Amino acid sequence: MTVTHSRFTQQAKDINTNTAQIEVKIILTKVKVWFQNRRTKYKRVKAEEDMTMAPSKNRSHVIRDQVTKKSDCRYDSSSEESDIDV
């Protein structure tokens, strides 16, 4: 009877140890999934923000480029006159 009782006690301890290890693995898996979801959400939100900001950024670049092109094509007589005087 003592042998049976000690085997039962040992098996119960093993089961509890295995259960605890399984619970830890489940918790670690849940934490890992939570962080993956968080990173995915961050990337999605960041991409959505970039998409909403992109049209206004593109317009400012176009306007700036148009102003630059106009200023490059402009004839500035004062700068040429100063070159000639020297």
Protein backbone atom coordinates (compact mmCIF):
# COMPACT_ATOMS: atom_id res chain seq x y z
CA MET A 1 0.00 0.00 0.00
CA THR A 2 2.86 2.39 0.78
CA VAL A 3 4.41 1.82 -2.65
CA THR A 4 1.09 2.55 -4.36
CA HIS A 5 0.61 5.67 -2.30
CA SER A 6 4.12 6.94 -3.06
CA ARG A 7 3.62 6.28 -6.80
CA PHE A 8 0.32 8.14 -6.70
CA THR A 9 1.95 11.05 -4.88
CA GLN A 10 4.85 11.14 -7.33
CA GLN A 11 2.49 11.04 -10.34
CA ALA A 12 0.42 13.86 -8.83
CA LYS A 13 3.58 15.95 -8.42
CA ASP A 14 4.61 15.19 -12.01
CA ILE A 15 1.17 16.14 -13.27
CA ASN A 16 1.27 19.39 -11.30
CA THR A 17 4.75 20.16 -12.64
CA ASN A 18 3.69 19.40 -16.22
CA THR A 19 0.53 21.46 -15.77
CA ALA A 20 2.56 24.39 -14.46
CA GLN A 21 4.99 24.12 -17.39
CA ILE A 22 2.09 24.01 -19.85
CA GLU A 23 0.51 27.05 -18.18
CA VAL A 24 3.78 28.97 -18.46
CA LYS A 25 4.07 28.06 -22.14
CA ILE A 26 0.50 29.21 -22.74
CA ILE A 27 1.14 32.49 -20.94
CA LEU A 28 4.36 33.07 -22.91
CA THR A 29 2.53 32.31 -26.15
CA LYS A 30 -0.23 34.77 -25.24
CA VAL A 31 2.34 37.46 -24.46
CA LYS A 32 4.16 36.79 -27.71
CA VAL A 33 0.92 37.02 -29.71
CA TRP A 34 -0.04 40.21 -27.87
CA PHE A 35 3.24 41.88 -28.87
CA GLN A 36 2.88 40.68 -32.47
CA ASN A 37 -0.62 42.14 -32.62
CA ARG A 38 0.62 45.38 -31.11
CA ARG A 39 3.41 45.69 -33.69
CA THR A 40 1.00 44.89 -36.51
CA LYS A 41 -1.49 47.48 -35.27
CA TYR A 42 1.27 50.09 -34.97
CA LYS A 43 2.44 49.42 -38.52
CA ARG A 44 -1.15 49.57 -39.83
CA VAL A 45 -1.91 52.84 -38.02
CA LYS A 46 1.40 54.32 -39.17
CA ALA A 47 0.66 53.35 -42.77
CA GLU A 48 -2.81 54.87 -42.54
CA GLU A 49 -1.35 58.10 -41.16
CA ASP A 50 1.21 58.19 -43.96
CA MET A 51 -1.55 57.66 -46.51
CA THR A 52 -3.60 60.54 -45.11
CA MET A 53 -0.56 62.81 -44.88
CA ALA A 54 0.81 61.89 -48.31
CA PRO A 55 -1.53 64.03 -50.47
CA SER A 56 -0.74 67.22 -48.57
CA LYS A 57 2.98 66.46 -48.65
CA ASN A 58 2.85 65.75 -52.37
CA ARG A 59 1.01 69.01 -53.02
CA SER A 60 3.59 71.02 -51.10
CA HIS A 61 6.41 69.41 -53.09
CA VAL A 62 4.65 70.19 -56.37
CA ILE A 63 4.03 73.79 -55.37
CA ARG A 64 7.61 74.20 -54.16
CA ASP A 65 8.95 72.69 -57.39
CA GLN A 66 6.76 75.00 -59.47
CA VAL A 67 8.01 78.05 -57.55
CA THR A 68 11.61 76.89 -57.97
CA LYS A 69 11.17 76.40 -61.71
CA LYS A 70 9.61 79.84 -62.08
CA SER A 71 12.43 81.49 -60.13
CA ASP A 72 15.03 79.67 -62.21
CA CYS A 73 13.47 80.91 -65.45
CA ARG A 74 13.15 84.47 -64.27
CA TYR A 75 15.46 87.01 -65.82
CA ASP A 76 17.28 89.01 -63.20
CA SER A 77 19.03 91.94 -64.80
CA SER A 78 20.54 93.29 -61.60
CA SER A 79 22.80 90.29 -61.10
CA GLU A 80 24.11 90.46 -64.66
CA GLU A 81 24.79 94.18 -64.42
CA SER A 82 26.89 93.69 -61.32
CA ASP A 83 28.93 91.03 -63.10
CA ILE A 84 29.59 93.35 -66.02
CA ASP A 85 30.72 96.26 -63.83
CA VAL A 86 33.43 94.20 -62.19
